[in-house]
Amino acid sequence: TFDVLVKIYTDFVDGQTLDTLGSLKAAEIERIYFSLLERTAALHSEDVVHRDLKPSNIMRTNEGQIVIIDFGIAKPLNQPTLTATQGAFVGSYNYTAPEIRNGKKHSPASDLYSLAPLILELARGEAYDRVIDREDLLMDLATAEKITPAVRQGLEALLTVDPKERMQHFEVVLRDEKKMYRLREPEISVAP
């Protein structure tokens, strides 16, 4: 027999994790949301699931870019796990999709679900101090003041119970919201 050693290297990211940012304005939460949709879609296009998307695993660089970090329990789709978690619960419970809590396998849909509690936590300006579930998140979404209509619609889609439906909603919402967001982005002009 032989042992296989897998190493993951990442660039140094100069910035702050989202859990350290405190209270954010609705426009910044929206920008982070759209950025995370794009980055999560890119991750999944490489057939990788992160399995632990949460504010402490997302950084905002000093230049304002959003970067997903900590791939310690990430997993290639349709491959056995590379970490010592085979058969064990992995991830952070409050950000975990209902199907994972019920013993199903991680998928792109379960990563997407994690974005809803992550964004709602940013809107609250603080971490949840208790165990939360989908119903708690839907109640918070209904009363959240720092969630724009476009983000609210997207979070409702991400909180869909059925992972297949969640993915279908995500594809439509991502396409439509990217279009809407680009229409609202300010133009940058350079002085002559």
C-alpha atoms as a PDB file:
ATOM      1  CA  THR A   1       0.000   0.000   0.000  1.00  0.00           C
ATOM      2  CA  PHE A   2       0.975   3.605  -0.372  1.00  0.00           C
ATOM      3  CA  ASP A   3      -0.173   6.915   1.054  1.00  0.00           C
ATOM      4  CA  VAL A   4      -1.291   9.769  -1.161  1.00  0.00           C
ATOM      5  CA  LEU A   5      -0.538  13.262   0.035  1.00  0.00           C
ATOM      6  CA  VAL A   6      -2.699  16.018  -1.440  1.00  0.00           C
ATOM      7  CA  LYS A   7      -1.702  19.626  -0.924  1.00  0.00           C
ATOM      8  CA  ILE A   8      -3.787  22.667  -1.690  1.00  0.00           C
ATOM      9  CA  TYR A   9      -1.971  25.949  -2.174  1.00  0.00           C
ATOM     10  CA  THR A  10      -3.622  29.343  -2.309  1.00  0.00           C
ATOM     11  CA  ASP A  11      -2.414  32.851  -2.877  1.00  0.00           C
ATOM     12  CA  PHE A  12      -2.173  35.238   0.045  1.00  0.00           C
ATOM     13  CA  VAL A  13      -5.370  37.297   0.232  1.00  0.00           C
ATOM     14  CA  ASP A  14      -4.995  40.694   1.883  1.00  0.00           C
ATOM     15  CA  GLY A  15      -8.343  41.726   3.323  1.00  0.00           C
ATOM     16  CA  GLN A  16     -10.982  40.711   5.849  1.00  0.00           C
ATOM     17  CA  THR A  17     -13.316  37.767   6.178  1.00  0.00           C
ATOM     18  CA  LEU A  18     -16.981  38.724   5.891  1.00  0.00           C
ATOM     19  CA  ASP A  19     -17.678  37.765   9.505  1.00  0.00           C
ATOM     20  CA  THR A  20     -15.431  40.629  10.663  1.00  0.00           C
ATOM     21  CA  LEU A  21     -17.058  43.408   8.618  1.00  0.00           C
ATOM     22  CA  GLY A  22     -19.927  44.258  10.978  1.00  0.00           C
ATOM     23  CA  SER A  23     -22.925  46.184   9.673  1.00  0.00           C
ATOM     24  CA  LEU A  24     -22.999  46.665   5.906  1.00  0.00           C
ATOM     25  CA  LYS A  25     -25.209  48.806   3.683  1.00  0.00           C
ATOM     26  CA  ALA A  26     -27.783  47.170   1.399  1.00  0.00           C
ATOM     27  CA  ALA A  27     -25.796  48.086  -1.734  1.00  0.00           C
ATOM     28  CA  GLU A  28     -22.646  46.351  -0.404  1.00  0.00           C
ATOM     29  CA  ILE A  29     -24.641  43.272   0.599  1.00  0.00           C
ATOM     30  CA  GLU A  30     -26.098  43.173  -2.908  1.00  0.00           C
ATOM     31  CA  ARG A  31     -22.626  43.492  -4.480  1.00  0.00           C
ATOM     32  CA  ILE A  32     -21.311  40.664  -2.298  1.00  0.00           C
ATOM     33  CA  TYR A  33     -24.345  38.522  -3.142  1.00  0.00           C
ATOM     34  CA  PHE A  34     -23.897  38.880  -6.918  1.00  0.00           C
ATOM     35  CA  SER A  35     -20.168  38.302  -6.614  1.00  0.00           C
ATOM     36  CA  LEU A  36     -20.763  35.114  -4.597  1.00  0.00           C
ATOM     37  CA  LEU A  37     -23.273  33.842  -7.155  1.00  0.00           C
ATOM     38  CA  GLU A  38     -20.678  34.243  -9.895  1.00  0.00           C
ATOM     39  CA  ARG A  39     -17.836  32.739  -7.871  1.00  0.00           C
ATOM     40  CA  THR A  40     -19.924  29.786  -6.716  1.00  0.00           C
ATOM     41  CA  ALA A  41     -21.047  29.131 -10.288  1.00  0.00           C
ATOM     42  CA  ALA A  42     -17.389  29.236 -11.405  1.00  0.00           C
ATOM     43  CA  LEU A  43     -16.408  26.792  -8.658  1.00  0.00           C
ATOM     44  CA  HIS A  44     -19.179  24.405  -9.690  1.00  0.00           C
ATOM     45  CA  SER A  45     -18.223  24.733 -13.367  1.00  0.00           C
ATOM     46  CA  GLU A  46     -14.905  23.150 -12.315  1.00  0.00           C
ATOM     47  CA  ASP A  47     -16.890  20.254 -10.734  1.00  0.00           C
ATOM     48  CA  VAL A  48     -15.970  21.199  -7.167  1.00  0.00           C
ATOM     49  CA  VAL A  49     -18.265  21.677  -4.179  1.00  0.00           C
ATOM     50  CA  HIS A  50     -16.941  23.784  -1.310  1.00  0.00           C
ATOM     51  CA  ARG A  51     -19.117  22.225   1.426  1.00  0.00           C
ATOM     52  CA  ASP A  52     -18.487  25.005   3.979  1.00  0.00           C
ATOM     53  CA  LEU A  53     -19.517  28.380   2.560  1.00  0.00           C
ATOM     54  CA  LYS A  54     -19.926  30.809   5.462  1.00  0.00           C
ATOM     55  CA  PRO A  55     -18.822  34.379   6.260  1.00  0.00           C
ATOM     56  CA  SER A  56     -15.513  33.289   7.807  1.00  0.00           C
ATOM     57  CA  ASN A  57     -14.650  31.432   4.572  1.00  0.00           C
ATOM     58  CA  ILE A  58     -15.254  34.432   2.307  1.00  0.00           C
ATOM     59  CA  MET A  59     -12.883  37.393   2.139  1.00  0.00           C
ATOM     60  CA  ARG A  60     -13.265  40.903   0.829  1.00  0.00           C
ATOM     61  CA  THR A  61      -9.872  42.042  -0.387  1.00  0.00           C
ATOM     62  CA  ASN A  62      -8.568  45.520   0.308  1.00  0.00           C
ATOM     63  CA  GLU A  63      -9.501  46.275  -3.313  1.00  0.00           C
ATOM     64  CA  GLY A  64     -13.101  45.116  -2.693  1.00  0.00           C
ATOM     65  CA  GLN A  65     -12.989  41.785  -4.515  1.00  0.00           C
ATOM     66  CA  ILE A  66     -14.805  38.809  -3.021  1.00  0.00           C
ATOM     67  CA  VAL A  67     -12.736  35.620  -2.653  1.00  0.00           C
ATOM     68  CA  ILE A  68     -13.849  32.172  -1.488  1.00  0.00           C
ATOM     69  CA  ILE A  69     -11.236  30.631   0.830  1.00  0.00           C
ATOM     70  CA  ASP A  70     -10.678  27.519   2.977  1.00  0.00           C
ATOM     71  CA  PHE A  71     -11.065  24.575   0.637  1.00  0.00           C
ATOM     72  CA  GLY A  72     -10.119  22.135   3.396  1.00  0.00           C
ATOM     73  CA  ILE A  73     -13.278  20.052   3.014  1.00  0.00           C
ATOM     74  CA  ALA A  74     -13.988  20.899  -0.641  1.00  0.00           C
ATOM     75  CA  LYS A  75     -14.589  17.907  -2.852  1.00  0.00           C
ATOM     76  CA  PRO A  76     -14.535  17.138  -6.558  1.00  0.00           C
ATOM     77  CA  LEU A  77     -18.006  16.115  -7.700  1.00  0.00           C
ATOM     78  CA  ASN A  78     -18.489  12.375  -8.246  1.00  0.00           C
ATOM     79  CA  GLN A  79     -15.231  11.546  -6.463  1.00  0.00           C
ATOM     80  CA  PRO A  80     -14.623  10.025  -3.070  1.00  0.00           C
ATOM     81  CA  THR A  81     -13.735  12.533  -0.394  1.00  0.00           C
ATOM     82  CA  LEU A  82     -10.067  13.479   0.005  1.00  0.00           C
ATOM     83  CA  THR A  83     -10.376  14.265   3.695  1.00  0.00           C
ATOM     84  CA  ALA A  84     -11.064  12.075   6.720  1.00  0.00           C
ATOM     85  CA  THR A  85     -14.786  12.890   6.615  1.00  0.00           C
ATOM     86  CA  GLN A  86     -16.209   9.869   4.798  1.00  0.00           C
ATOM     87  CA  GLY A  87     -19.650   9.304   6.317  1.00  0.00           C
ATOM     88  CA  ALA A  88     -19.281  12.138   8.844  1.00  0.00           C
ATOM     89  CA  PHE A  89     -21.189  15.419   8.911  1.00  0.00           C
ATOM     90  CA  VAL A  90     -19.062  18.126   7.314  1.00  0.00           C
ATOM     91  CA  GLY A  91     -19.663  21.825   7.132  1.00  0.00           C
ATOM     92  CA  SER A  92     -21.123  24.374   9.507  1.00  0.00           C
ATOM     93  CA  TYR A  93     -24.615  23.481  10.645  1.00  0.00           C
ATOM     94  CA  ASN A  94     -26.325  26.884  10.308  1.00  0.00           C
ATOM     95  CA  TYR A  95     -25.169  27.173   6.686  1.00  0.00           C
ATOM     96  CA  THR A  96     -26.011  23.586   5.757  1.00  0.00           C
ATOM     97  CA  ALA A  97     -28.835  22.703   3.360  1.00  0.00           C
ATOM     98  CA  PRO A  98     -31.774  20.625   4.651  1.00  0.00           C
ATOM     99  CA  GLU A  99     -30.839  17.646   2.474  1.00  0.00           C
ATOM    100  CA  ILE A 100     -27.340  17.515   4.017  1.00  0.00           C
ATOM    101  CA  ARG A 101     -28.822  17.674   7.500  1.00  0.00           C
ATOM    102  CA  ASN A 102     -30.868  14.651   6.450  1.00  0.00           C
ATOM    103  CA  GLY A 103     -27.838  12.604   5.392  1.00  0.00           C
ATOM    104  CA  LYS A 104     -27.748  13.265   1.630  1.00  0.00           C
ATOM    105  CA  LYS A 105     -24.550  14.033  -0.300  1.00  0.00           C
ATOM    106  CA  HIS A 106     -23.227  17.530  -0.888  1.00  0.00           C
ATOM    107  CA  SER A 107     -23.925  19.014  -4.298  1.00  0.00           C
ATOM    108  CA  PRO A 108     -23.774  22.388  -6.028  1.00  0.00           C
ATOM    109  CA  ALA A 109     -27.357  22.919  -4.805  1.00  0.00           C
ATOM    110  CA  SER A 110     -26.273  22.495  -1.185  1.00  0.00           C
ATOM    111  CA  ASP A 111     -23.457  25.029  -1.663  1.00  0.00           C
ATOM    112  CA  LEU A 112     -26.001  27.476  -3.076  1.00  0.00           C
ATOM    113  CA  TYR A 113     -28.310  27.055  -0.090  1.00  0.00           C
ATOM    114  CA  SER A 114     -25.409  28.149   2.133  1.00  0.00           C
ATOM    115  CA  LEU A 115     -25.383  31.561   0.478  1.00  0.00           C
ATOM    116  CA  ALA A 116     -28.822  32.418   1.932  1.00  0.00           C
ATOM    117  CA  PRO A 117     -27.902  32.244   5.643  1.00  0.00           C
ATOM    118  CA  LEU A 118     -24.539  33.833   4.790  1.00  0.00           C
ATOM    119  CA  ILE A 119     -26.182  36.877   3.155  1.00  0.00           C
ATOM    120  CA  LEU A 120     -28.869  37.126   5.840  1.00  0.00           C
ATOM    121  CA  GLU A 121     -26.156  37.140   8.486  1.00  0.00           C
ATOM    122  CA  LEU A 122     -24.479  40.045   6.692  1.00  0.00           C
ATOM    123  CA  ALA A 123     -27.815  41.891   6.691  1.00  0.00           C
ATOM    124  CA  ARG A 124     -28.174  41.287  10.438  1.00  0.00           C
ATOM    125  CA  GLY A 125     -24.658  42.561  11.050  1.00  0.00           C
ATOM    126  CA  GLU A 126     -23.929  39.694  13.430  1.00  0.00           C
ATOM    127  CA  ALA A 127     -23.794  35.909  13.573  1.00  0.00           C
ATOM    128  CA  TYR A 128     -26.766  33.863  14.667  1.00  0.00           C
ATOM    129  CA  ASP A 129     -26.407  33.004  18.342  1.00  0.00           C
ATOM    130  CA  ARG A 130     -28.547  29.886  18.073  1.00  0.00           C
ATOM    131  CA  VAL A 131     -29.122  26.959  15.749  1.00  0.00           C
ATOM    132  CA  ILE A 132     -31.252  28.080  12.810  1.00  0.00           C
ATOM    133  CA  ASP A 133     -33.229  26.249  10.155  1.00  0.00           C
ATOM    134  CA  ARG A 134     -34.917  27.131   6.869  1.00  0.00           C
ATOM    135  CA  GLU A 135     -38.054  28.493   8.591  1.00  0.00           C
ATOM    136  CA  ASP A 136     -35.923  30.866  10.705  1.00  0.00           C
ATOM    137  CA  LEU A 137     -34.198  32.086   7.554  1.00  0.00           C
ATOM    138  CA  LEU A 138     -37.495  32.679   5.752  1.00  0.00           C
ATOM    139  CA  MET A 139     -38.763  34.729   8.727  1.00  0.00           C
ATOM    140  CA  ASP A 140     -35.543  36.772   8.770  1.00  0.00           C
ATOM    141  CA  LEU A 141     -35.801  37.294   5.015  1.00  0.00           C
ATOM    142  CA  ALA A 142     -39.371  38.579   5.357  1.00  0.00           C
ATOM    143  CA  THR A 143     -38.287  41.265   7.826  1.00  0.00           C
ATOM    144  CA  ALA A 144     -34.748  42.048   6.625  1.00  0.00           C
ATOM    145  CA  GLU A 145     -34.349  45.754   5.955  1.00  0.00           C
ATOM    146  CA  LYS A 146     -30.963  45.634   4.212  1.00  0.00           C
ATOM    147  CA  ILE A 147     -32.008  43.176   1.506  1.00  0.00           C
ATOM    148  CA  THR A 148     -32.823  44.692  -1.889  1.00  0.00           C
ATOM    149  CA  PRO A 149     -35.746  43.252  -3.908  1.00  0.00           C
ATOM    150  CA  ALA A 150     -33.384  41.538  -6.363  1.00  0.00           C
ATOM    151  CA  VAL A 151     -31.447  39.848  -3.546  1.00  0.00           C
ATOM    152  CA  ARG A 152     -34.676  38.925  -1.740  1.00  0.00           C
ATOM    153  CA  GLN A 153     -35.937  37.126  -4.853  1.00  0.00           C
ATOM    154  CA  GLY A 154     -32.639  35.301  -5.208  1.00  0.00           C
ATOM    155  CA  LEU A 155     -32.539  34.222  -1.549  1.00  0.00           C
ATOM    156  CA  GLU A 156     -36.078  32.872  -1.791  1.00  0.00           C
ATOM    157  CA  ALA A 157     -34.905  30.721  -4.703  1.00  0.00           C
ATOM    158  CA  LEU A 158     -31.811  29.555  -2.813  1.00  0.00           C
ATOM    159  CA  LEU A 159     -33.977  28.533   0.155  1.00  0.00           C
ATOM    160  CA  THR A 160     -36.082  26.184  -1.987  1.00  0.00           C
ATOM    161  CA  VAL A 161     -36.279  22.797  -0.260  1.00  0.00           C
ATOM    162  CA  ASP A 162     -35.859  20.577  -3.340  1.00  0.00           C
ATOM    163  CA  PRO A 163     -32.212  20.730  -4.516  1.00  0.00           C
ATOM    164  CA  LYS A 164     -33.211  20.167  -8.166  1.00  0.00           C
ATOM    165  CA  GLU A 165     -35.672  23.050  -8.020  1.00  0.00           C
ATOM    166  CA  ARG A 166     -33.045  25.161  -6.254  1.00  0.00           C
ATOM    167  CA  MET A 167     -30.637  24.613  -9.150  1.00  0.00           C
ATOM    168  CA  GLN A 168     -33.309  25.474 -11.751  1.00  0.00           C
ATOM    169  CA  HIS A 169     -34.240  28.650  -9.849  1.00  0.00           C
ATOM    170  CA  PHE A 170     -30.559  29.515  -9.444  1.00  0.00           C
ATOM    171  CA  GLU A 171     -29.864  29.305 -13.174  1.00  0.00           C
ATOM    172  CA  VAL A 172     -32.806  31.605 -13.977  1.00  0.00           C
ATOM    173  CA  VAL A 173     -32.134  34.002 -11.093  1.00  0.00           C
ATOM    174  CA  LEU A 174     -28.409  34.231 -11.852  1.00  0.00           C
ATOM    175  CA  ARG A 175     -29.085  35.042 -15.500  1.00  0.00           C
ATOM    176  CA  ASP A 176     -31.830  37.589 -14.728  1.00  0.00           C
ATOM    177  CA  GLU A 177     -30.111  39.184 -11.729  1.00  0.00           C
ATOM    178  CA  LYS A 178     -26.785  39.556 -13.513  1.00  0.00           C
ATOM    179  CA  LYS A 179     -28.659  41.364 -16.261  1.00  0.00           C
ATOM    180  CA  MET A 180     -30.465  43.634 -13.759  1.00  0.00           C
ATOM    181  CA  TYR A 181     -27.294  44.244 -11.748  1.00  0.00           C
ATOM    182  CA  ARG A 182     -25.306  45.234 -14.814  1.00  0.00           C
ATOM    183  CA  LEU A 183     -28.024  47.744 -15.703  1.00  0.00           C
ATOM    184  CA  ARG A 184     -27.632  49.354 -12.257  1.00  0.00           C
ATOM    185  CA  GLU A 185     -23.820  49.349 -12.117  1.00  0.00           C
ATOM    186  CA  PRO A 186     -22.422  52.885 -12.303  1.00  0.00           C
ATOM    187  CA  GLU A 187     -20.325  53.698 -15.320  1.00  0.00           C
ATOM    188  CA  ILE A 188     -16.708  54.489 -14.615  1.00  0.00           C
ATOM    189  CA  SER A 189     -15.285  57.369 -16.559  1.00  0.00           C
ATOM    190  CA  VAL A 190     -11.665  58.333 -16.797  1.00  0.00           C
ATOM    191  CA  ALA A 191     -10.702  61.992 -16.946  1.00  0.00           C
ATOM    192  CA  PRO A 192      -8.779  62.959 -20.112  1.00  0.00           C
END
